Amino acid sequence: MATWLDGVIAALIAVVFLSWGLHIVSSLKSTPESGLASLRMRAYLGTIALQWTFVVAIAVMGLVRGTPWAALGLAPSLSLPFWIVFAILAVSLYPLVRWRARLLAKEENLEKIRHMANGHGPGRLFPKCRWELALFYAMSVSSGTTEELLFRGFLIWYFHHWLALWPSALLSTIIFGLDHLYQGWSGALQAGVMGAIFALLYLCTGSLVISVLLHILINLHQAHAVQAGLRYAMKAAPARA
């Protein structure tokens, strides 16, 4: 049974992640080039710490009151829908890898990434060196794991105390999209669409395993694309000089 503390955590998830993202993006506009490395480190480490603080809080509360792990989507699922979805994704993986390889082989796409990294928007958070790239990858894995636990596992469980299952999933998806509003309305809409897909996978399989894996793969794809753009920028710099 949900308590008022669960309500507080749900409200904080809806507010804190958006506030943190807006704070970082706002800081980008006022931070000189010399301070961007420090800002990126705070953004990466701060995001990871924030995500896992919420996960630990939910885990502790769940252990105290004896919440079944399955209620939060954490129990393994061997159901037929799970294996059907897993098989579809596994079969789709190879053509998707080939498709993204072709995309990253085009200089115009790498140039777009470089342009974003050197602009004045969220692209300034893209890593510029190896240790930043390592943290960026760590943040990608962390986000793929924790966001599924928080937005799909916990929020759907919490809202389901008062709403039917599908409206609960819809509400959690809306919050997930709005929490990405620091990326602009377009970014929030894209996040909302992806959140809807993750929620659908969760509800169809009864486990967060598939949605976590897919979320991590998408994040790692983005991180690798940034890495490719970074390498392209480093190679192109001497030519421009």
C-alpha atoms as a PDB file:
ATOM      1  CA  MET A   1       0.000   0.000   0.000  1.00  0.00           C
ATOM      2  CA  ALA A   2       1.315   3.443  -0.924  1.00  0.00           C
ATOM      3  CA  THR A   3       1.981   5.966   1.838  1.00  0.00           C
ATOM      4  CA  TRP A   4       2.303   9.719   1.912  1.00  0.00           C
ATOM      5  CA  LEU A   5       6.080   9.275   1.585  1.00  0.00           C
ATOM      6  CA  ASP A   6       5.519   7.575  -1.756  1.00  0.00           C
ATOM      7  CA  GLY A   7       3.460  10.599  -2.792  1.00  0.00           C
ATOM      8  CA  VAL A   8       6.313  12.890  -1.815  1.00  0.00           C
ATOM      9  CA  ILE A   9       8.776  10.834  -3.859  1.00  0.00           C
ATOM     10  CA  ALA A  10       6.428  10.806  -6.854  1.00  0.00           C
ATOM     11  CA  ALA A  11       6.065  14.607  -6.651  1.00  0.00           C
ATOM     12  CA  LEU A  12       9.832  15.040  -6.314  1.00  0.00           C
ATOM     13  CA  ILE A  13      10.446  12.850  -9.367  1.00  0.00           C
ATOM     14  CA  ALA A  14       8.094  15.101 -11.344  1.00  0.00           C
ATOM     15  CA  VAL A  15       9.791  18.301 -10.144  1.00  0.00           C
ATOM     16  CA  VAL A  16      13.426  17.646  -9.249  1.00  0.00           C
ATOM     17  CA  PHE A  17      14.587  16.076 -12.529  1.00  0.00           C
ATOM     18  CA  LEU A  18      13.039  18.885 -14.563  1.00  0.00           C
ATOM     19  CA  SER A  19      14.524  21.524 -12.240  1.00  0.00           C
ATOM     20  CA  TRP A  20      17.951  19.891 -12.439  1.00  0.00           C
ATOM     21  CA  GLY A  21      17.858  19.798 -16.235  1.00  0.00           C
ATOM     22  CA  LEU A  22      16.708  23.414 -16.493  1.00  0.00           C
ATOM     23  CA  HIS A  23      19.418  24.467 -14.038  1.00  0.00           C
ATOM     24  CA  ILE A  24      22.151  22.783 -16.086  1.00  0.00           C
ATOM     25  CA  VAL A  25      20.889  24.201 -19.391  1.00  0.00           C
ATOM     26  CA  SER A  26      20.613  27.663 -17.845  1.00  0.00           C
ATOM     27  CA  SER A  27      24.169  27.368 -16.531  1.00  0.00           C
ATOM     28  CA  LEU A  28      25.376  26.579 -20.037  1.00  0.00           C
ATOM     29  CA  LYS A  29      24.335  30.033 -21.201  1.00  0.00           C
ATOM     30  CA  SER A  30      26.262  31.867 -18.500  1.00  0.00           C
ATOM     31  CA  THR A  31      29.334  29.637 -18.252  1.00  0.00           C
ATOM     32  CA  PRO A  32      32.410  30.735 -20.251  1.00  0.00           C
ATOM     33  CA  GLU A  33      34.237  28.219 -22.408  1.00  0.00           C
ATOM     34  CA  SER A  34      36.914  27.814 -19.736  1.00  0.00           C
ATOM     35  CA  GLY A  35      34.332  26.603 -17.214  1.00  0.00           C
ATOM     36  CA  LEU A  36      32.464  24.138 -19.407  1.00  0.00           C
ATOM     37  CA  ALA A  37      34.629  21.148 -18.441  1.00  0.00           C
ATOM     38  CA  SER A  38      33.789  21.655 -14.781  1.00  0.00           C
ATOM     39  CA  LEU A  39      30.104  22.128 -15.604  1.00  0.00           C
ATOM     40  CA  ARG A  40      30.027  18.925 -17.644  1.00  0.00           C
ATOM     41  CA  MET A  41      31.566  16.987 -14.756  1.00  0.00           C
ATOM     42  CA  ARG A  42      28.956  18.379 -12.337  1.00  0.00           C
ATOM     43  CA  ALA A  43      26.183  17.565 -14.798  1.00  0.00           C
ATOM     44  CA  TYR A  44      27.312  13.956 -15.346  1.00  0.00           C
ATOM     45  CA  LEU A  45      28.080  13.110 -11.728  1.00  0.00           C
ATOM     46  CA  GLY A  46      25.140  15.112 -10.380  1.00  0.00           C
ATOM     47  CA  THR A  47      22.700  13.332 -12.683  1.00  0.00           C
ATOM     48  CA  ILE A  48      23.990   9.890 -11.709  1.00  0.00           C
ATOM     49  CA  ALA A  49      23.874  10.769  -7.988  1.00  0.00           C
ATOM     50  CA  LEU A  50      20.356  12.200  -8.283  1.00  0.00           C
ATOM     51  CA  GLN A  51      19.038   9.149 -10.116  1.00  0.00           C
ATOM     52  CA  TRP A  52      20.433   6.622  -7.673  1.00  0.00           C
ATOM     53  CA  THR A  53      19.388   8.642  -4.630  1.00  0.00           C
ATOM     54  CA  PHE A  54      15.771   8.206  -5.699  1.00  0.00           C
ATOM     55  CA  VAL A  55      16.287   4.516  -6.496  1.00  0.00           C
ATOM     56  CA  VAL A  56      17.873   3.842  -3.090  1.00  0.00           C
ATOM     57  CA  ALA A  57      15.066   5.731  -1.316  1.00  0.00           C
ATOM     58  CA  ILE A  58      12.420   3.672  -3.123  1.00  0.00           C
ATOM     59  CA  ALA A  59      14.317   0.427  -2.478  1.00  0.00           C
ATOM     60  CA  VAL A  60      14.631   1.163   1.254  1.00  0.00           C
ATOM     61  CA  MET A  61      10.936   2.024   1.554  1.00  0.00           C
ATOM     62  CA  GLY A  62      10.029  -1.120  -0.372  1.00  0.00           C
ATOM     63  CA  LEU A  63      12.120  -3.299   1.923  1.00  0.00           C
ATOM     64  CA  VAL A  64      10.690  -1.680   5.051  1.00  0.00           C
ATOM     65  CA  ARG A  65       7.071  -2.295   4.090  1.00  0.00           C
ATOM     66  CA  GLY A  66       7.719  -5.555   2.239  1.00  0.00           C
ATOM     67  CA  THR A  67       6.650  -4.460  -1.241  1.00  0.00           C
ATOM     68  CA  PRO A  68       7.004  -7.404  -3.653  1.00  0.00           C
ATOM     69  CA  TRP A  69       9.696  -6.734  -6.252  1.00  0.00           C
ATOM     70  CA  ALA A  70       7.279  -7.877  -8.954  1.00  0.00           C
ATOM     71  CA  ALA A  71       5.006  -4.929  -8.115  1.00  0.00           C
ATOM     72  CA  LEU A  72       7.785  -2.602  -9.302  1.00  0.00           C
ATOM     73  CA  GLY A  73       8.583  -4.682 -12.376  1.00  0.00           C
ATOM     74  CA  LEU A  74      11.805  -6.043 -10.908  1.00  0.00           C
ATOM     75  CA  ALA A  75      10.915  -9.736 -10.948  1.00  0.00           C
ATOM     76  CA  PRO A  76      12.208 -11.724 -13.945  1.00  0.00           C
ATOM     77  CA  SER A  77       9.546 -12.717 -16.437  1.00  0.00           C
ATOM     78  CA  LEU A  78       9.506 -15.915 -18.481  1.00  0.00           C
ATOM     79  CA  SER A  79       6.062 -15.371 -19.945  1.00  0.00           C
ATOM     80  CA  LEU A  80       5.258 -15.908 -23.627  1.00  0.00           C
ATOM     81  CA  PRO A  81       4.841 -12.147 -24.339  1.00  0.00           C
ATOM     82  CA  PHE A  82       8.280 -11.544 -22.804  1.00  0.00           C
ATOM     83  CA  TRP A  83       9.970 -14.038 -25.132  1.00  0.00           C
ATOM     84  CA  ILE A  84       8.019 -12.798 -28.155  1.00  0.00           C
ATOM     85  CA  VAL A  85       9.122  -9.198 -27.543  1.00  0.00           C
ATOM     86  CA  PHE A  86      12.680 -10.340 -26.787  1.00  0.00           C
ATOM     87  CA  ALA A  87      12.826 -12.323 -30.049  1.00  0.00           C
ATOM     88  CA  ILE A  88      11.500  -9.386 -32.091  1.00  0.00           C
ATOM     89  CA  LEU A  89      14.082  -7.037 -30.625  1.00  0.00           C
ATOM     90  CA  ALA A  90      16.886  -9.566 -31.077  1.00  0.00           C
ATOM     91  CA  VAL A  91      16.014 -10.102 -34.751  1.00  0.00           C
ATOM     92  CA  SER A  92      15.757  -6.335 -35.295  1.00  0.00           C
ATOM     93  CA  LEU A  93      19.116  -5.603 -33.691  1.00  0.00           C
ATOM     94  CA  TYR A  94      21.371  -6.495 -36.623  1.00  0.00           C
ATOM     95  CA  PRO A  95      19.615  -4.361 -39.286  1.00  0.00           C
ATOM     96  CA  LEU A  96      19.436  -1.498 -36.794  1.00  0.00           C
ATOM     97  CA  VAL A  97      23.179  -1.728 -36.161  1.00  0.00           C
ATOM     98  CA  ARG A  98      23.833  -1.694 -39.911  1.00  0.00           C
ATOM     99  CA  TRP A  99      21.502   1.302 -40.325  1.00  0.00           C
ATOM    100  CA  ARG A 100      23.198   3.358 -37.596  1.00  0.00           C
ATOM    101  CA  ALA A 101      26.633   2.477 -39.019  1.00  0.00           C
ATOM    102  CA  ARG A 102      25.589   3.961 -42.357  1.00  0.00           C
ATOM    103  CA  LEU A 103      24.290   7.078 -40.604  1.00  0.00           C
ATOM    104  CA  LEU A 104      27.533   7.608 -38.704  1.00  0.00           C
ATOM    105  CA  ALA A 105      29.564   7.090 -41.869  1.00  0.00           C
ATOM    106  CA  LYS A 106      28.103  10.254 -43.393  1.00  0.00           C
ATOM    107  CA  GLU A 107      30.126  13.386 -42.753  1.00  0.00           C
ATOM    108  CA  GLU A 108      27.055  15.620 -42.772  1.00  0.00           C
ATOM    109  CA  ASN A 109      25.636  13.761 -39.767  1.00  0.00           C
ATOM    110  CA  LEU A 110      28.934  13.996 -37.888  1.00  0.00           C
ATOM    111  CA  GLU A 111      29.090  17.681 -38.776  1.00  0.00           C
ATOM    112  CA  LYS A 112      25.675  18.197 -37.181  1.00  0.00           C
ATOM    113  CA  ILE A 113      26.926  16.629 -33.947  1.00  0.00           C
ATOM    114  CA  ARG A 114      30.029  18.815 -34.016  1.00  0.00           C
ATOM    115  CA  HIS A 115      27.889  21.893 -34.637  1.00  0.00           C
ATOM    116  CA  MET A 116      25.640  21.024 -31.684  1.00  0.00           C
ATOM    117  CA  ALA A 117      28.663  20.507 -29.430  1.00  0.00           C
ATOM    118  CA  ASN A 118      30.042  23.931 -30.363  1.00  0.00           C
ATOM    119  CA  GLY A 119      26.700  25.747 -30.161  1.00  0.00           C
ATOM    120  CA  HIS A 120      25.048  27.409 -27.171  1.00  0.00           C
ATOM    121  CA  GLY A 121      22.408  24.789 -26.312  1.00  0.00           C
ATOM    122  CA  PRO A 122      22.418  21.411 -24.505  1.00  0.00           C
ATOM    123  CA  GLY A 123      24.967  20.179 -27.048  1.00  0.00           C
ATOM    124  CA  ARG A 124      27.639  21.991 -25.013  1.00  0.00           C
ATOM    125  CA  LEU A 125      27.252  19.141 -22.522  1.00  0.00           C
ATOM    126  CA  PHE A 126      28.704  16.703 -25.053  1.00  0.00           C
ATOM    127  CA  PRO A 127      32.026  15.244 -23.823  1.00  0.00           C
ATOM    128  CA  LYS A 128      35.218  16.713 -25.215  1.00  0.00           C
ATOM    129  CA  CYS A 129      37.854  14.251 -23.939  1.00  0.00           C
ATOM    130  CA  ARG A 130      38.252  10.599 -22.962  1.00  0.00           C
ATOM    131  CA  TRP A 131      37.450  10.887 -19.257  1.00  0.00           C
ATOM    132  CA  GLU A 132      34.374  12.975 -19.999  1.00  0.00           C
ATOM    133  CA  LEU A 133      33.320  10.379 -22.568  1.00  0.00           C
ATOM    134  CA  ALA A 134      33.710   7.612 -19.964  1.00  0.00           C
ATOM    135  CA  LEU A 135      31.447   9.516 -17.565  1.00  0.00           C
ATOM    136  CA  PHE A 136      29.001  10.176 -20.396  1.00  0.00           C
ATOM    137  CA  TYR A 137      28.779   6.431 -21.068  1.00  0.00           C
ATOM    138  CA  ALA A 138      28.313   5.760 -17.340  1.00  0.00           C
ATOM    139  CA  MET A 139      25.509   8.322 -17.223  1.00  0.00           C
ATOM    140  CA  SER A 140      23.889   6.667 -20.257  1.00  0.00           C
ATOM    141  CA  VAL A 141      23.784   3.281 -18.530  1.00  0.00           C
ATOM    142  CA  SER A 142      22.649   4.858 -15.263  1.00  0.00           C
ATOM    143  CA  SER A 143      19.813   6.758 -16.932  1.00  0.00           C
ATOM    144  CA  GLY A 144      18.622   3.720 -18.865  1.00  0.00           C
ATOM    145  CA  THR A 145      18.429   1.712 -15.654  1.00  0.00           C
ATOM    146  CA  THR A 146      17.171   4.221 -13.112  1.00  0.00           C
ATOM    147  CA  GLU A 147      14.628   6.018 -15.292  1.00  0.00           C
ATOM    148  CA  GLU A 148      12.867   2.722 -15.996  1.00  0.00           C
ATOM    149  CA  LEU A 149      12.820   1.887 -12.290  1.00  0.00           C
ATOM    150  CA  LEU A 150      11.502   5.337 -11.383  1.00  0.00           C
ATOM    151  CA  PHE A 151       9.126   6.271 -14.195  1.00  0.00           C
ATOM    152  CA  ARG A 152       7.872   2.861 -15.272  1.00  0.00           C
ATOM    153  CA  GLY A 153       8.337   0.748 -12.128  1.00  0.00           C
ATOM    154  CA  PHE A 154       7.614   3.130  -9.270  1.00  0.00           C
ATOM    155  CA  LEU A 155       5.320   5.769 -10.775  1.00  0.00           C
ATOM    156  CA  ILE A 156       3.027   3.275 -12.500  1.00  0.00           C
ATOM    157  CA  TRP A 157       2.835   1.282  -9.242  1.00  0.00           C
ATOM    158  CA  TYR A 158       2.062   4.439  -7.266  1.00  0.00           C
ATOM    159  CA  PHE A 159      -0.601   5.834  -9.626  1.00  0.00           C
ATOM    160  CA  HIS A 160      -2.191   2.384  -9.949  1.00  0.00           C
ATOM    161  CA  HIS A 161      -3.435   2.748  -6.359  1.00  0.00           C
ATOM    162  CA  TRP A 162      -5.976   5.290  -7.650  1.00  0.00           C
ATOM    163  CA  LEU A 163      -6.101   4.776 -11.419  1.00  0.00           C
ATOM    164  CA  ALA A 164      -6.439   1.854 -13.796  1.00  0.00           C
ATOM    165  CA  LEU A 165      -3.200   0.408 -15.148  1.00  0.00           C
ATOM    166  CA  TRP A 166      -3.155   2.074 -18.579  1.00  0.00           C
ATOM    167  CA  PRO A 167      -4.059   5.579 -17.295  1.00  0.00           C
ATOM    168  CA  SER A 168      -1.305   5.125 -14.696  1.00  0.00           C
ATOM    169  CA  ALA A 169       1.153   4.327 -17.481  1.00  0.00           C
ATOM    170  CA  LEU A 170      -0.063   7.341 -19.475  1.00  0.00           C
ATOM    171  CA  LEU A 171       0.404   9.689 -16.516  1.00  0.00           C
ATOM    172  CA  SER A 172       3.910   8.382 -15.844  1.00  0.00           C
ATOM    173  CA  THR A 173       4.724   8.841 -19.554  1.00  0.00           C
ATOM    174  CA  ILE A 174       3.532  12.452 -19.491  1.00  0.00           C
ATOM    175  CA  ILE A 175       5.718  13.163 -16.459  1.00  0.00           C
ATOM    176  CA  PHE A 176       8.666  11.457 -18.179  1.00  0.00           C
ATOM    177  CA  GLY A 177       8.236  13.674 -21.226  1.00  0.00           C
ATOM    178  CA  LEU A 178       7.843  16.867 -19.182  1.00  0.00           C
ATOM    179  CA  ASP A 179      10.948  16.036 -17.159  1.00  0.00           C
ATOM    180  CA  HIS A 180      12.865  16.314 -20.454  1.00  0.00           C
ATOM    181  CA  LEU A 181      11.456  19.766 -21.191  1.00  0.00           C
ATOM    182  CA  TYR A 182      14.929  21.237 -20.647  1.00  0.00           C
ATOM    183  CA  GLN A 183      15.653  19.823 -24.129  1.00  0.00           C
ATOM    184  CA  GLY A 184      12.854  21.974 -25.551  1.00  0.00           C
ATOM    185  CA  TRP A 185       9.338  20.958 -26.538  1.00  0.00           C
ATOM    186  CA  SER A 186      10.653  18.806 -29.364  1.00  0.00           C
ATOM    187  CA  GLY A 187      12.957  16.925 -26.997  1.00  0.00           C
ATOM    188  CA  ALA A 188      10.159  16.509 -24.458  1.00  0.00           C
ATOM    189  CA  LEU A 189       7.839  15.128 -27.144  1.00  0.00           C
ATOM    190  CA  GLN A 190      10.464  12.653 -28.337  1.00  0.00           C
ATOM    191  CA  ALA A 191      11.097  11.558 -24.745  1.00  0.00           C
ATOM    192  CA  GLY A 192       7.363  11.148 -24.233  1.00  0.00           C
ATOM    193  CA  VAL A 193       7.069   8.921 -27.299  1.00  0.00           C
ATOM    194  CA  MET A 194       9.980   6.779 -26.135  1.00  0.00           C
ATOM    195  CA  GLY A 195       8.482   6.673 -22.633  1.00  0.00           C
ATOM    196  CA  ALA A 196       5.223   5.384 -24.117  1.00  0.00           C
ATOM    197  CA  ILE A 197       7.128   2.619 -25.925  1.00  0.00           C
ATOM    198  CA  PHE A 198       8.988   1.646 -22.738  1.00  0.00           C
ATOM    199  CA  ALA A 199       5.715   1.615 -20.784  1.00  0.00           C
ATOM    200  CA  LEU A 200       4.080  -0.565 -23.433  1.00  0.00           C
ATOM    201  CA  LEU A 201       6.968  -3.034 -23.295  1.00  0.00           C
ATOM    202  CA  TYR A 202       6.748  -3.121 -19.508  1.00  0.00           C
ATOM    203  CA  LEU A 203       3.011  -3.689 -19.384  1.00  0.00           C
ATOM    204  CA  CYS A 204       3.073  -6.317 -22.137  1.00  0.00           C
ATOM    205  CA  THR A 205       5.918  -8.357 -20.626  1.00  0.00           C
ATOM    206  CA  GLY A 206       5.287  -7.763 -16.923  1.00  0.00           C
ATOM    207  CA  SER A 207       8.940  -6.958 -16.326  1.00  0.00           C
ATOM    208  CA  LEU A 208      11.268  -3.986 -16.714  1.00  0.00           C
ATOM    209  CA  VAL A 209      14.023  -6.150 -18.199  1.00  0.00           C
ATOM    210  CA  ILE A 210      13.218  -5.437 -21.857  1.00  0.00           C
ATOM    211  CA  SER A 211      12.562  -1.721 -21.375  1.00  0.00           C
ATOM    212  CA  VAL A 212      15.762  -1.306 -19.334  1.00  0.00           C
ATOM    213  CA  LEU A 213      17.865  -3.069 -21.974  1.00  0.00           C
ATOM    214  CA  LEU A 214      16.295  -1.089 -24.821  1.00  0.00           C
ATOM    215  CA  HIS A 215      16.644   2.198 -22.942  1.00  0.00           C
ATOM    216  CA  ILE A 216      20.318   1.503 -22.247  1.00  0.00           C
ATOM    217  CA  LEU A 217      20.958   0.545 -25.890  1.00  0.00           C
ATOM    218  CA  ILE A 218      19.333   3.771 -27.124  1.00  0.00           C
ATOM    219  CA  ASN A 219      21.380   5.836 -24.675  1.00  0.00           C
ATOM    220  CA  LEU A 220      24.586   4.042 -25.649  1.00  0.00           C
ATOM    221  CA  HIS A 221      23.770   4.664 -29.309  1.00  0.00           C
ATOM    222  CA  GLN A 222      23.518   8.380 -28.562  1.00  0.00           C
ATOM    223  CA  ALA A 223      26.744   8.288 -26.558  1.00  0.00           C
ATOM    224  CA  HIS A 224      28.550   6.473 -29.369  1.00  0.00           C
ATOM    225  CA  ALA A 225      27.205   8.965 -31.910  1.00  0.00           C
ATOM    226  CA  VAL A 226      28.632  11.758 -29.781  1.00  0.00           C
ATOM    227  CA  GLN A 227      31.932   9.888 -29.623  1.00  0.00           C
ATOM    228  CA  ALA A 228      31.968   9.602 -33.427  1.00  0.00           C
ATOM    229  CA  GLY A 229      31.226  13.312 -33.711  1.00  0.00           C
ATOM    230  CA  LEU A 230      34.036  14.081 -31.270  1.00  0.00           C
ATOM    231  CA  ARG A 231      36.525  12.039 -33.282  1.00  0.00           C
ATOM    232  CA  TYR A 232      35.364  13.725 -36.484  1.00  0.00           C
ATOM    233  CA  ALA A 233      35.812  17.166 -34.906  1.00  0.00           C
ATOM    234  CA  MET A 234      39.348  16.271 -33.750  1.00  0.00           C
ATOM    235  CA  LYS A 235      40.301  15.072 -37.250  1.00  0.00           C
ATOM    236  CA  ALA A 236      38.696  18.045 -38.959  1.00  0.00           C
ATOM    237  CA  ALA A 237      40.318  20.637 -36.669  1.00  0.00           C
ATOM    238  CA  PRO A 238      43.824  20.485 -38.252  1.00  0.00           C
ATOM    239  CA  ALA A 239      42.307  20.765 -41.730  1.00  0.00           C
ATOM    240  CA  ARG A 240      40.330  23.873 -40.740  1.00  0.00           C
ATOM    241  CA  ALA A 241      43.411  25.353 -39.091  1.00  0.00           C
END
